[in-house]
Amino acid sequence: VAERALFLWNNEHIVSLIAQNRNVILPIIFEALEKNIQSHWNQAVHGLTVNVRKMFLDMDAELFEECQNQYEEKESRAKEVEEQRELTWKRLADVAEQRRGEDMVTV
């Protein structure tokens, strides 16, 4: 499905419509493009995604950079949240272990 969707970018009429509406479209699909480039298992999808990404960069470098900055900030915040979540679970596990040790009865 992803490969077929990316093939639409080979149609000049569709590319023209996308170029006219890039301010709306790029912010919506930027994250999906980046994730495809980073981790999609299919080499054809990866290659097509790189082409689409470059097409947007060539269309409007300023908009592309803005979307890239927003994506990087979002990823950074997500990483911080995940690190905080892991730290919270570690603290909880430490407290549980400590209480378990206190509840033990020694004879």
N, C-alpha and C. Protein backbone atom coordinates (compact mmCIF):
# COMPACT_ATOMS: atom_id res chain seq x y z
N VAL A 1 0.84 -1.19 0.00
CA VAL A 1 0.00 0.00 0.00
C VAL A 1 0.88 1.25 0.00
N ALA A 2 1.91 1.26 0.85
CA ALA A 2 2.79 2.42 0.92
C ALA A 2 3.47 2.67 -0.42
N GLU A 3 3.91 1.59 -1.05
CA GLU A 3 4.60 1.72 -2.33
C GLU A 3 3.66 2.32 -3.39
N ARG A 4 2.44 1.83 -3.45
CA ARG A 4 1.47 2.34 -4.42
C ARG A 4 1.16 3.81 -4.16
N ALA A 5 1.01 4.16 -2.90
CA ALA A 5 0.72 5.56 -2.56
C ALA A 5 1.88 6.46 -2.98
N LEU A 6 3.10 5.99 -2.77
CA LEU A 6 4.26 6.80 -3.14
C LEU A 6 4.43 6.91 -4.66
N PHE A 7 3.91 5.93 -5.40
CA PHE A 7 3.97 6.01 -6.86
C PHE A 7 3.13 7.17 -7.40
N LEU A 8 2.16 7.65 -6.63
CA LEU A 8 1.37 8.80 -7.06
C LEU A 8 2.25 10.02 -7.31
N TRP A 9 3.38 10.06 -6.65
CA TRP A 9 4.29 11.20 -6.80
C TRP A 9 4.96 11.23 -8.16
N ASN A 10 4.79 10.19 -8.95
CA ASN A 10 5.32 10.17 -10.31
C ASN A 10 4.36 10.84 -11.30
N ASN A 11 3.18 11.21 -10.84
CA ASN A 11 2.17 11.84 -11.68
C ASN A 11 2.34 13.36 -11.60
N GLU A 12 2.63 13.98 -12.74
CA GLU A 12 2.89 15.42 -12.77
C GLU A 12 1.71 16.26 -12.26
N HIS A 13 0.49 15.85 -12.60
CA HIS A 13 -0.69 16.60 -12.15
C HIS A 13 -0.80 16.56 -10.62
N ILE A 14 -0.59 15.39 -10.05
CA ILE A 14 -0.67 15.26 -8.59
C ILE A 14 0.45 16.06 -7.93
N VAL A 15 1.65 16.00 -8.49
CA VAL A 15 2.76 16.77 -7.93
C VAL A 15 2.46 18.26 -8.00
N SER A 16 1.83 18.70 -9.08
CA SER A 16 1.45 20.10 -9.21
C SER A 16 0.46 20.51 -8.13
N LEU A 17 -0.54 19.66 -7.88
CA LEU A 17 -1.52 19.95 -6.83
C LEU A 17 -0.86 19.95 -5.45
N ILE A 18 0.03 19.01 -5.24
CA ILE A 18 0.73 18.94 -3.95
C ILE A 18 1.59 20.18 -3.76
N ALA A 19 2.27 20.62 -4.82
CA ALA A 19 3.11 21.81 -4.73
C ALA A 19 2.28 23.03 -4.36
N GLN A 20 1.08 23.13 -4.92
CA GLN A 20 0.21 24.26 -4.61
C GLN A 20 -0.26 24.24 -3.15
N ASN A 21 -0.35 23.05 -2.57
CA ASN A 21 -0.88 22.90 -1.21
C ASN A 21 0.17 22.37 -0.24
N ARG A 22 1.42 22.58 -0.55
CA ARG A 22 2.50 22.01 0.27
C ARG A 22 2.50 22.52 1.72
N ASN A 23 2.01 23.74 1.93
CA ASN A 23 1.98 24.27 3.29
C ASN A 23 1.05 23.47 4.20
N VAL A 24 0.06 22.85 3.61
CA VAL A 24 -0.87 22.02 4.37
C VAL A 24 -0.39 20.57 4.40
N ILE A 25 0.09 20.08 3.26
CA ILE A 25 0.41 18.66 3.12
C ILE A 25 1.69 18.27 3.85
N LEU A 26 2.76 19.02 3.67
CA LEU A 26 4.05 18.61 4.24
C LEU A 26 4.00 18.45 5.76
N PRO A 27 3.43 19.40 6.51
CA PRO A 27 3.39 19.18 7.97
C PRO A 27 2.62 17.91 8.37
N ILE A 28 1.66 17.51 7.56
CA ILE A 28 0.87 16.32 7.87
C ILE A 28 1.67 15.05 7.62
N ILE A 29 2.41 15.01 6.52
CA ILE A 29 3.07 13.75 6.15
C ILE A 29 4.55 13.68 6.52
N PHE A 30 5.12 14.76 7.04
CA PHE A 30 6.56 14.79 7.29
C PHE A 30 7.00 13.67 8.22
N GLU A 31 6.28 13.47 9.31
CA GLU A 31 6.66 12.43 10.27
C GLU A 31 6.65 11.05 9.62
N ALA A 32 5.65 10.77 8.82
CA ALA A 32 5.56 9.47 8.14
C ALA A 32 6.73 9.29 7.18
N LEU A 33 7.10 10.35 6.47
CA LEU A 33 8.24 10.26 5.57
C LEU A 33 9.52 9.94 6.34
N GLU A 34 9.72 10.64 7.43
CA GLU A 34 10.93 10.41 8.24
C GLU A 34 10.97 8.99 8.79
N LYS A 35 9.85 8.51 9.28
CA LYS A 35 9.81 7.15 9.84
C LYS A 35 10.04 6.11 8.75
N ASN A 36 9.51 6.34 7.55
CA ASN A 36 9.77 5.43 6.44
C ASN A 36 11.27 5.38 6.13
N ILE A 37 11.89 6.54 6.09
CA ILE A 37 13.32 6.60 5.78
C ILE A 37 14.14 5.91 6.86
N GLN A 38 13.75 6.08 8.10
CA GLN A 38 14.52 5.50 9.20
C GLN A 38 14.34 4.00 9.33
N SER A 39 13.14 3.50 9.06
CA SER A 39 12.93 2.11 9.46
C SER A 39 12.03 1.25 8.57
N HIS A 40 11.67 1.72 7.39
CA HIS A 40 10.79 0.86 6.58
C HIS A 40 11.57 -0.32 6.04
N TRP A 41 10.97 -1.49 6.11
CA TRP A 41 11.65 -2.73 5.73
C TRP A 41 11.78 -2.91 4.23
N ASN A 42 10.91 -2.26 3.45
CA ASN A 42 10.90 -2.45 2.00
C ASN A 42 11.81 -1.43 1.33
N GLN A 43 12.78 -1.90 0.58
CA GLN A 43 13.76 -1.02 -0.05
C GLN A 43 13.12 -0.10 -1.09
N ALA A 44 12.12 -0.59 -1.81
CA ALA A 44 11.43 0.25 -2.81
C ALA A 44 10.70 1.40 -2.14
N VAL A 45 10.02 1.11 -1.03
CA VAL A 45 9.33 2.17 -0.27
C VAL A 45 10.35 3.16 0.25
N HIS A 46 11.45 2.66 0.75
CA HIS A 46 12.51 3.54 1.26
C HIS A 46 13.00 4.48 0.16
N GLY A 47 13.29 3.94 -1.01
CA GLY A 47 13.77 4.76 -2.12
C GLY A 47 12.75 5.78 -2.59
N LEU A 48 11.51 5.36 -2.71
CA LEU A 48 10.45 6.29 -3.12
C LEU A 48 10.26 7.40 -2.08
N THR A 49 10.36 7.03 -0.81
CA THR A 49 10.21 8.03 0.26
C THR A 49 11.33 9.05 0.19
N VAL A 50 12.55 8.60 -0.06
CA VAL A 50 13.68 9.53 -0.20
C VAL A 50 13.41 10.50 -1.35
N ASN A 51 12.87 9.98 -2.45
CA ASN A 51 12.56 10.84 -3.60
C ASN A 51 11.49 11.89 -3.25
N VAL A 52 10.46 11.47 -2.54
CA VAL A 52 9.38 12.40 -2.16
C VAL A 52 9.93 13.45 -1.21
N ARG A 53 10.74 13.02 -0.27
CA ARG A 53 11.34 13.95 0.69
C ARG A 53 12.18 15.00 -0.05
N LYS A 54 12.99 14.55 -1.00
CA LYS A 54 13.83 15.47 -1.77
C LYS A 54 12.97 16.42 -2.61
N MET A 55 11.86 15.91 -3.13
CA MET A 55 10.96 16.74 -3.91
C MET A 55 10.43 17.90 -3.05
N PHE A 56 10.03 17.60 -1.81
CA PHE A 56 9.56 18.65 -0.92
C PHE A 56 10.67 19.62 -0.57
N LEU A 57 11.87 19.11 -0.34
CA LEU A 57 13.00 19.97 -0.04
C LEU A 57 13.27 20.93 -1.20
N ASP A 58 13.20 20.43 -2.42
CA ASP A 58 13.41 21.27 -3.60
C ASP A 58 12.28 22.27 -3.81
N MET A 59 11.06 21.88 -3.44
CA MET A 59 9.89 22.76 -3.61
C MET A 59 9.98 23.98 -2.69
N ASP A 60 10.30 23.72 -1.42
CA ASP A 60 10.26 24.78 -0.42
C ASP A 60 11.18 24.42 0.74
N ALA A 61 12.44 24.82 0.61
CA ALA A 61 13.45 24.46 1.61
C ALA A 61 13.11 25.04 2.99
N GLU A 62 12.55 26.23 3.01
CA GLU A 62 12.22 26.87 4.28
C GLU A 62 11.12 26.10 5.02
N LEU A 63 10.07 25.74 4.32
CA LEU A 63 8.99 24.96 4.92
C LEU A 63 9.52 23.60 5.36
N PHE A 64 10.35 22.99 4.53
CA PHE A 64 10.92 21.69 4.85
C PHE A 64 11.72 21.77 6.15
N GLU A 65 12.56 22.79 6.26
CA GLU A 65 13.38 22.96 7.46
C GLU A 65 12.51 23.19 8.70
N GLU A 66 11.45 23.96 8.54
CA GLU A 66 10.52 24.20 9.64
C GLU A 66 9.88 22.89 10.11
N CYS A 67 9.44 22.09 9.17
CA CYS A 67 8.84 20.79 9.51
C CYS A 67 9.87 19.87 10.15
N GLN A 68 11.09 19.91 9.64
CA GLN A 68 12.15 19.07 10.21
C GLN A 68 12.45 19.49 11.65
N ASN A 69 12.51 20.78 11.90
CA ASN A 69 12.75 21.26 13.26
C ASN A 69 11.63 20.84 14.20
N GLN A 70 10.39 20.96 13.74
CA GLN A 70 9.25 20.54 14.57
C GLN A 70 9.31 19.04 14.85
N TYR A 71 9.67 18.27 13.85
CA TYR A 71 9.79 16.81 14.02
C TYR A 71 10.88 16.48 15.03
N GLU A 72 12.03 17.12 14.91
CA GLU A 72 13.13 16.86 15.83
C GLU A 72 12.76 17.25 17.26
N GLU A 73 12.06 18.38 17.42
CA GLU A 73 11.61 18.79 18.76
C GLU A 73 10.63 17.77 19.33
N LYS A 74 9.72 17.30 18.51
CA LYS A 74 8.74 16.31 18.96
C LYS A 74 9.43 15.01 19.37
N GLU A 75 10.40 14.57 18.58
CA GLU A 75 11.15 13.36 18.90
C GLU A 75 11.95 13.54 20.19
N SER A 76 12.52 14.72 20.37
CA SER A 76 13.29 15.01 21.58
C SER A 76 12.39 14.98 22.81
N ARG A 77 11.20 15.59 22.70
CA ARG A 77 10.26 15.56 23.82
C ARG A 77 9.80 14.14 24.12
N ALA A 78 9.56 13.36 23.07
CA ALA A 78 9.14 11.97 23.26
C ALA A 78 10.23 11.17 23.95
N LYS A 79 11.47 11.43 23.59
CA LYS A 79 12.59 10.73 24.24
C LYS A 79 12.68 11.12 25.71
N GLU A 80 12.51 12.40 26.01
CA GLU A 80 12.53 12.86 27.40
C GLU A 80 11.41 12.22 28.20
N VAL A 81 10.22 12.14 27.62
CA VAL A 81 9.08 11.52 28.30
C VAL A 81 9.37 10.05 28.57
N GLU A 82 9.95 9.36 27.59
CA GLU A 82 10.28 7.94 27.77
C GLU A 82 11.34 7.75 28.85
N GLU A 83 12.34 8.62 28.86
CA GLU A 83 13.37 8.53 29.90
C GLU A 83 12.76 8.78 31.28
N GLN A 84 11.87 9.75 31.37
CA GLN A 84 11.20 10.04 32.64
C GLN A 84 10.34 8.87 33.08
N ARG A 85 9.64 8.26 32.13
CA ARG A 85 8.81 7.10 32.42
C ARG A 85 9.67 5.95 32.96
N GLU A 86 10.80 5.69 32.31
CA GLU A 86 11.70 4.63 32.77
C GLU A 86 12.23 4.92 34.16
N LEU A 87 12.59 6.17 34.42
CA LEU A 87 13.08 6.56 35.73
C LEU A 87 12.00 6.37 36.80
N THR A 88 10.78 6.74 36.48
CA THR A 88 9.67 6.58 37.42
C THR A 88 9.45 5.10 37.74
N TRP A 89 9.47 4.24 36.71
CA TRP A 89 9.30 2.81 36.95
C TRP A 89 10.46 2.24 37.77
N LYS A 90 11.67 2.73 37.54
CA LYS A 90 12.82 2.26 38.32
C LYS A 90 12.65 2.65 39.78
N ARG A 91 12.24 3.89 40.02
CA ARG A 91 12.01 4.33 41.40
C ARG A 91 10.93 3.49 42.06
N LEU A 92 9.86 3.23 41.35
CA LEU A 92 8.77 2.41 41.88
C LEU A 92 9.26 1.01 42.20
N ALA A 93 10.05 0.43 41.32
CA ALA A 93 10.60 -0.91 41.57
C ALA A 93 11.53 -0.89 42.78
N ASP A 94 12.33 0.16 42.91
CA ASP A 94 13.24 0.27 44.06
C ASP A 94 12.45 0.37 45.37
N VAL A 95 11.40 1.18 45.37
CA VAL A 95 10.56 1.32 46.57
C VAL A 95 9.88 -0.01 46.89
N ALA A 96 9.38 -0.69 45.88
CA ALA A 96 8.73 -1.99 46.10
C ALA A 96 9.72 -2.99 46.67
N GLU A 97 10.93 -3.00 46.15
CA GLU A 97 11.96 -3.92 46.64
C GLU A 97 12.32 -3.59 48.09
N GLN A 98 12.42 -2.31 48.38
CA GLN A 98 12.75 -1.88 49.73
C GLN A 98 11.64 -2.30 50.70
N ARG A 99 10.40 -2.08 50.33
CA ARG A 99 9.29 -2.44 51.20
C ARG A 99 9.18 -3.95 51.36
N ARG A 100 9.48 -4.67 50.31
CA ARG A 100 9.43 -6.12 50.40
C ARG A 100 10.47 -6.60 51.42
N GLY A 101 11.62 -5.96 51.40
CA GLY A 101 12.66 -6.30 52.37
C GLY A 101 12.25 -5.95 53.79
N GLU A 102 11.53 -4.86 53.97
CA GLU A 102 11.07 -4.45 55.30
C GLU A 102 9.98 -5.38 55.82
N ASP A 103 9.18 -5.93 54.92
CA ASP A 103 8.07 -6.79 55.32
C ASP A 103 8.51 -8.20 55.67
N MET A 104 9.74 -8.55 55.36
CA MET A 104 10.20 -9.91 55.65
C MET A 104 10.32 -10.09 57.16
N VAL A 105 9.89 -11.23 57.62
CA VAL A 105 9.97 -11.55 59.04
C VAL A 105 11.19 -12.43 59.23
N THR A 106 12.04 -12.02 60.14
CA THR A 106 13.21 -12.84 60.44
C THR A 106 12.98 -13.59 61.72
N VAL A 107 13.34 -14.84 61.74
CA VAL A 107 13.12 -15.68 62.92
C VAL A 107 14.42 -15.99 63.58
